[in-house]
């Protein structure tokens, strides 16, 4: 796993799996279908990504596909921040 994926995984475990078994939480694990992240959780994830990775909320398309898994979030963050790296 990349450092970004590790960071996202840590956030998900801390915020949504408090004390639950996270062994199945692979980068491709479907967080929405499994119920780990619900609609309110999606708002929390978007807020976290905006703050942690300096992506303006207005620039974040609110579509579940971008937040369905750790891998999807990493791909979204990588794409959204690609032009900002100096």
N, C-alpha and C. Protein backbone atom coordinates (compact mmCIF):
# COMPACT_ATOMS: atom_id res chain seq x y z
N UNK A 1 0.84 -1.17 0.00
CA UNK A 1 0.00 0.00 0.00
C UNK A 1 0.90 1.25 0.00
N UNK A 2 0.43 2.27 -0.65
CA UNK A 2 1.17 3.54 -0.69
C UNK A 2 0.95 4.31 0.61
N UNK A 3 1.73 5.35 0.82
CA UNK A 3 1.56 6.18 2.01
C UNK A 3 0.18 6.82 2.03
N UNK A 4 -0.30 7.26 0.85
CA UNK A 4 -1.64 7.85 0.76
C UNK A 4 -2.70 6.83 1.15
N UNK A 5 -2.58 5.62 0.62
CA UNK A 5 -3.55 4.56 0.95
C UNK A 5 -3.50 4.24 2.44
N UNK A 6 -2.31 4.22 3.01
CA UNK A 6 -2.19 3.98 4.45
C UNK A 6 -2.88 5.08 5.25
N UNK A 7 -2.70 6.33 4.82
CA UNK A 7 -3.34 7.46 5.51
C UNK A 7 -4.86 7.36 5.45
N UNK A 8 -5.38 7.05 4.26
CA UNK A 8 -6.84 6.92 4.09
C UNK A 8 -7.35 5.75 4.90
N UNK A 9 -6.64 4.64 4.87
CA UNK A 9 -7.06 3.45 5.64
C UNK A 9 -7.11 3.78 7.13
N UNK A 10 -6.08 4.46 7.62
CA UNK A 10 -6.05 4.84 9.03
C UNK A 10 -7.24 5.73 9.38
N UNK A 11 -7.57 6.68 8.50
CA UNK A 11 -8.73 7.55 8.74
C UNK A 11 -10.01 6.72 8.81
N UNK A 12 -10.21 5.83 7.85
CA UNK A 12 -11.43 5.01 7.81
C UNK A 12 -11.54 4.14 9.06
N UNK A 13 -10.44 3.50 9.44
CA UNK A 13 -10.46 2.64 10.62
C UNK A 13 -10.79 3.46 11.87
N UNK A 14 -10.14 4.61 12.02
CA UNK A 14 -10.34 5.45 13.19
C UNK A 14 -11.75 6.02 13.27
N UNK A 15 -12.26 6.51 12.14
CA UNK A 15 -13.54 7.21 12.13
C UNK A 15 -14.76 6.30 11.99
N UNK A 16 -14.60 5.17 11.32
CA UNK A 16 -15.78 4.35 11.00
C UNK A 16 -15.74 2.93 11.56
N UNK A 17 -14.59 2.44 11.97
CA UNK A 17 -14.49 1.06 12.46
C UNK A 17 -13.97 1.01 13.88
N UNK A 18 -14.33 1.95 14.68
CA UNK A 18 -13.85 2.06 16.05
C UNK A 18 -13.94 0.72 16.78
N UNK A 19 -12.80 0.08 16.90
CA UNK A 19 -12.73 -1.18 17.63
C UNK A 19 -13.16 -2.41 16.86
N UNK A 20 -13.68 -2.25 15.66
CA UNK A 20 -14.11 -3.39 14.86
C UNK A 20 -12.93 -3.99 14.12
N UNK A 21 -13.08 -5.22 13.68
CA UNK A 21 -12.04 -5.91 12.93
C UNK A 21 -11.86 -5.24 11.57
N UNK A 22 -10.66 -4.85 11.25
CA UNK A 22 -10.39 -4.19 9.98
C UNK A 22 -9.55 -5.05 9.05
N UNK A 23 -9.46 -6.33 9.32
CA UNK A 23 -8.63 -7.23 8.52
C UNK A 23 -9.08 -7.29 7.06
N UNK A 24 -10.38 -7.16 6.81
CA UNK A 24 -10.91 -7.22 5.44
C UNK A 24 -10.79 -5.91 4.69
N UNK A 25 -10.29 -4.88 5.33
CA UNK A 25 -10.25 -3.55 4.73
C UNK A 25 -9.07 -3.42 3.77
N UNK A 26 -9.23 -4.00 2.60
CA UNK A 26 -8.24 -3.91 1.54
C UNK A 26 -8.49 -2.63 0.75
N UNK A 27 -7.56 -2.22 -0.10
CA UNK A 27 -7.79 -1.01 -0.91
C UNK A 27 -9.03 -1.09 -1.79
N UNK A 28 -9.46 -2.29 -2.17
CA UNK A 28 -10.62 -2.44 -3.05
C UNK A 28 -11.92 -2.71 -2.31
N UNK A 29 -11.88 -2.83 -1.00
CA UNK A 29 -13.07 -3.14 -0.21
C UNK A 29 -14.12 -2.05 -0.41
N UNK A 30 -15.35 -2.44 -0.75
CA UNK A 30 -16.42 -1.48 -1.03
C UNK A 30 -16.99 -0.94 0.27
N UNK A 31 -16.59 0.27 0.60
CA UNK A 31 -16.99 0.90 1.86
C UNK A 31 -18.46 1.29 1.89
N UNK A 32 -19.01 1.62 0.75
CA UNK A 32 -20.41 2.06 0.68
C UNK A 32 -21.34 0.86 0.70
N UNK A 33 -21.10 -0.09 -0.18
CA UNK A 33 -21.97 -1.28 -0.25
C UNK A 33 -21.96 -2.05 1.06
N UNK A 34 -20.82 -2.10 1.72
CA UNK A 34 -20.71 -2.85 2.98
C UNK A 34 -21.34 -2.10 4.15
N UNK A 35 -21.65 -0.82 3.97
CA UNK A 35 -22.26 -0.04 5.03
C UNK A 35 -21.26 0.62 5.97
N UNK A 36 -19.97 0.48 5.70
CA UNK A 36 -18.98 1.13 6.54
C UNK A 36 -19.15 2.65 6.45
N UNK A 37 -19.35 3.15 5.23
CA UNK A 37 -19.58 4.58 5.01
C UNK A 37 -20.99 4.76 4.47
N UNK A 38 -21.82 5.50 5.23
CA UNK A 38 -23.18 5.80 4.78
C UNK A 38 -23.20 7.23 4.22
N UNK A 39 -24.38 7.78 3.99
CA UNK A 39 -24.46 9.11 3.37
C UNK A 39 -23.83 10.19 4.26
N UNK A 40 -24.05 10.14 5.55
CA UNK A 40 -23.43 11.10 6.45
C UNK A 40 -21.92 10.87 6.50
N UNK A 41 -21.53 9.61 6.49
CA UNK A 41 -20.11 9.27 6.46
C UNK A 41 -19.43 9.79 5.21
N UNK A 42 -20.14 9.76 4.10
CA UNK A 42 -19.60 10.27 2.84
C UNK A 42 -19.28 11.77 2.97
N UNK A 43 -20.16 12.50 3.63
CA UNK A 43 -19.91 13.93 3.87
C UNK A 43 -18.66 14.10 4.74
N UNK A 44 -18.51 13.26 5.74
CA UNK A 44 -17.33 13.33 6.61
C UNK A 44 -16.06 13.02 5.84
N UNK A 45 -16.10 12.01 4.96
CA UNK A 45 -14.94 11.64 4.16
C UNK A 45 -14.56 12.80 3.23
N UNK A 46 -15.55 13.39 2.58
CA UNK A 46 -15.29 14.51 1.67
C UNK A 46 -14.68 15.68 2.43
N UNK A 47 -15.20 15.97 3.59
CA UNK A 47 -14.66 17.05 4.41
C UNK A 47 -13.22 16.77 4.80
N UNK A 48 -12.94 15.54 5.19
CA UNK A 48 -11.57 15.15 5.57
C UNK A 48 -10.62 15.29 4.38
N UNK A 49 -11.02 14.80 3.23
CA UNK A 49 -10.17 14.88 2.04
C UNK A 49 -9.91 16.34 1.68
N UNK A 50 -10.93 17.16 1.77
CA UNK A 50 -10.76 18.58 1.46
C UNK A 50 -9.73 19.22 2.38
N UNK A 51 -9.84 18.96 3.67
CA UNK A 51 -8.91 19.56 4.65
C UNK A 51 -7.52 18.95 4.53
N UNK A 52 -7.44 17.64 4.52
CA UNK A 52 -6.14 16.96 4.59
C UNK A 52 -5.30 17.12 3.33
N UNK A 53 -5.95 17.24 2.18
CA UNK A 53 -5.21 17.28 0.92
C UNK A 53 -5.38 18.59 0.16
N UNK A 54 -5.89 19.61 0.85
CA UNK A 54 -6.03 20.96 0.30
C UNK A 54 -6.75 20.98 -1.05
N UNK A 55 -7.87 20.25 -1.10
CA UNK A 55 -8.71 20.24 -2.30
C UNK A 55 -9.99 21.00 -1.94
N UNK A 56 -10.24 22.13 -2.58
CA UNK A 56 -11.47 22.88 -2.26
C UNK A 56 -12.72 22.00 -2.43
N UNK A 57 -13.63 22.11 -1.48
CA UNK A 57 -14.85 21.30 -1.53
C UNK A 57 -15.58 21.50 -2.86
N UNK A 58 -15.57 22.71 -3.38
CA UNK A 58 -16.23 22.99 -4.66
C UNK A 58 -15.61 22.21 -5.81
N UNK A 59 -14.37 21.75 -5.65
CA UNK A 59 -13.69 20.99 -6.70
C UNK A 59 -13.85 19.48 -6.53
N UNK A 60 -14.62 19.07 -5.55
CA UNK A 60 -14.81 17.63 -5.29
C UNK A 60 -16.17 17.20 -5.81
N UNK A 61 -16.18 16.43 -6.90
CA UNK A 61 -17.46 15.93 -7.40
C UNK A 61 -18.05 14.92 -6.40
N UNK A 62 -19.27 15.15 -5.99
CA UNK A 62 -19.91 14.31 -4.99
C UNK A 62 -20.56 13.12 -5.69
N UNK A 63 -19.73 12.17 -6.06
CA UNK A 63 -20.21 10.93 -6.67
C UNK A 63 -19.63 9.76 -5.89
N UNK A 64 -20.45 8.79 -5.55
CA UNK A 64 -19.98 7.67 -4.74
C UNK A 64 -18.79 6.93 -5.32
N UNK A 65 -18.67 6.89 -6.63
CA UNK A 65 -17.57 6.16 -7.25
C UNK A 65 -16.21 6.67 -6.78
N UNK A 66 -16.09 7.95 -6.46
CA UNK A 66 -14.82 8.51 -6.00
C UNK A 66 -14.48 8.13 -4.57
N UNK A 67 -15.45 7.61 -3.83
CA UNK A 67 -15.26 7.35 -2.41
C UNK A 67 -15.65 5.93 -2.01
N UNK A 68 -15.90 5.08 -2.99
CA UNK A 68 -16.38 3.72 -2.76
C UNK A 68 -15.35 2.85 -2.05
N UNK A 69 -14.07 3.11 -2.29
CA UNK A 69 -13.01 2.29 -1.69
C UNK A 69 -11.79 3.16 -1.41
N UNK A 70 -10.86 2.63 -0.69
CA UNK A 70 -9.61 3.34 -0.43
C UNK A 70 -8.90 3.59 -1.76
N UNK A 71 -8.88 2.61 -2.64
CA UNK A 71 -8.24 2.77 -3.94
C UNK A 71 -8.90 3.89 -4.75
N UNK A 72 -10.23 3.96 -4.71
CA UNK A 72 -10.95 5.01 -5.45
C UNK A 72 -10.63 6.39 -4.88
N UNK A 73 -10.56 6.49 -3.55
CA UNK A 73 -10.22 7.77 -2.93
C UNK A 73 -8.80 8.19 -3.30
N UNK A 74 -7.88 7.24 -3.28
CA UNK A 74 -6.49 7.55 -3.65
C UNK A 74 -6.41 8.03 -5.10
N UNK A 75 -7.11 7.35 -5.99
CA UNK A 75 -7.11 7.75 -7.41
C UNK A 75 -7.69 9.16 -7.56
N UNK A 76 -8.77 9.44 -6.84
CA UNK A 76 -9.37 10.78 -6.91
C UNK A 76 -8.39 11.83 -6.39
N UNK A 77 -7.79 11.59 -5.22
CA UNK A 77 -6.86 12.55 -4.62
C UNK A 77 -5.66 12.76 -5.54
N UNK A 78 -5.10 11.66 -6.07
CA UNK A 78 -3.96 11.78 -6.98
C UNK A 78 -4.31 12.63 -8.19
N UNK A 79 -5.49 12.41 -8.76
CA UNK A 79 -5.93 13.18 -9.93
C UNK A 79 -6.20 14.64 -9.59
N UNK A 80 -6.79 14.88 -8.42
CA UNK A 80 -7.15 16.24 -8.02
C UNK A 80 -5.92 17.07 -7.63
N UNK A 81 -4.88 16.40 -7.17
CA UNK A 81 -3.70 17.13 -6.72
C UNK A 81 -2.55 17.08 -7.73
N UNK A 82 -2.74 16.39 -8.84
CA UNK A 82 -1.66 16.22 -9.82
C UNK A 82 -1.13 17.55 -10.34
N UNK A 83 -1.99 18.50 -10.57
CA UNK A 83 -1.55 19.79 -11.10
C UNK A 83 -1.01 20.74 -10.06
N UNK A 84 -1.14 20.38 -8.77
CA UNK A 84 -0.73 21.29 -7.72
C UNK A 84 0.65 20.98 -7.16
N UNK A 85 1.19 19.82 -7.52
CA UNK A 85 2.53 19.46 -7.00
C UNK A 85 3.59 20.34 -7.64
N UNK A 86 4.45 20.86 -6.81
CA UNK A 86 5.50 21.74 -7.33
C UNK A 86 6.82 21.04 -7.40
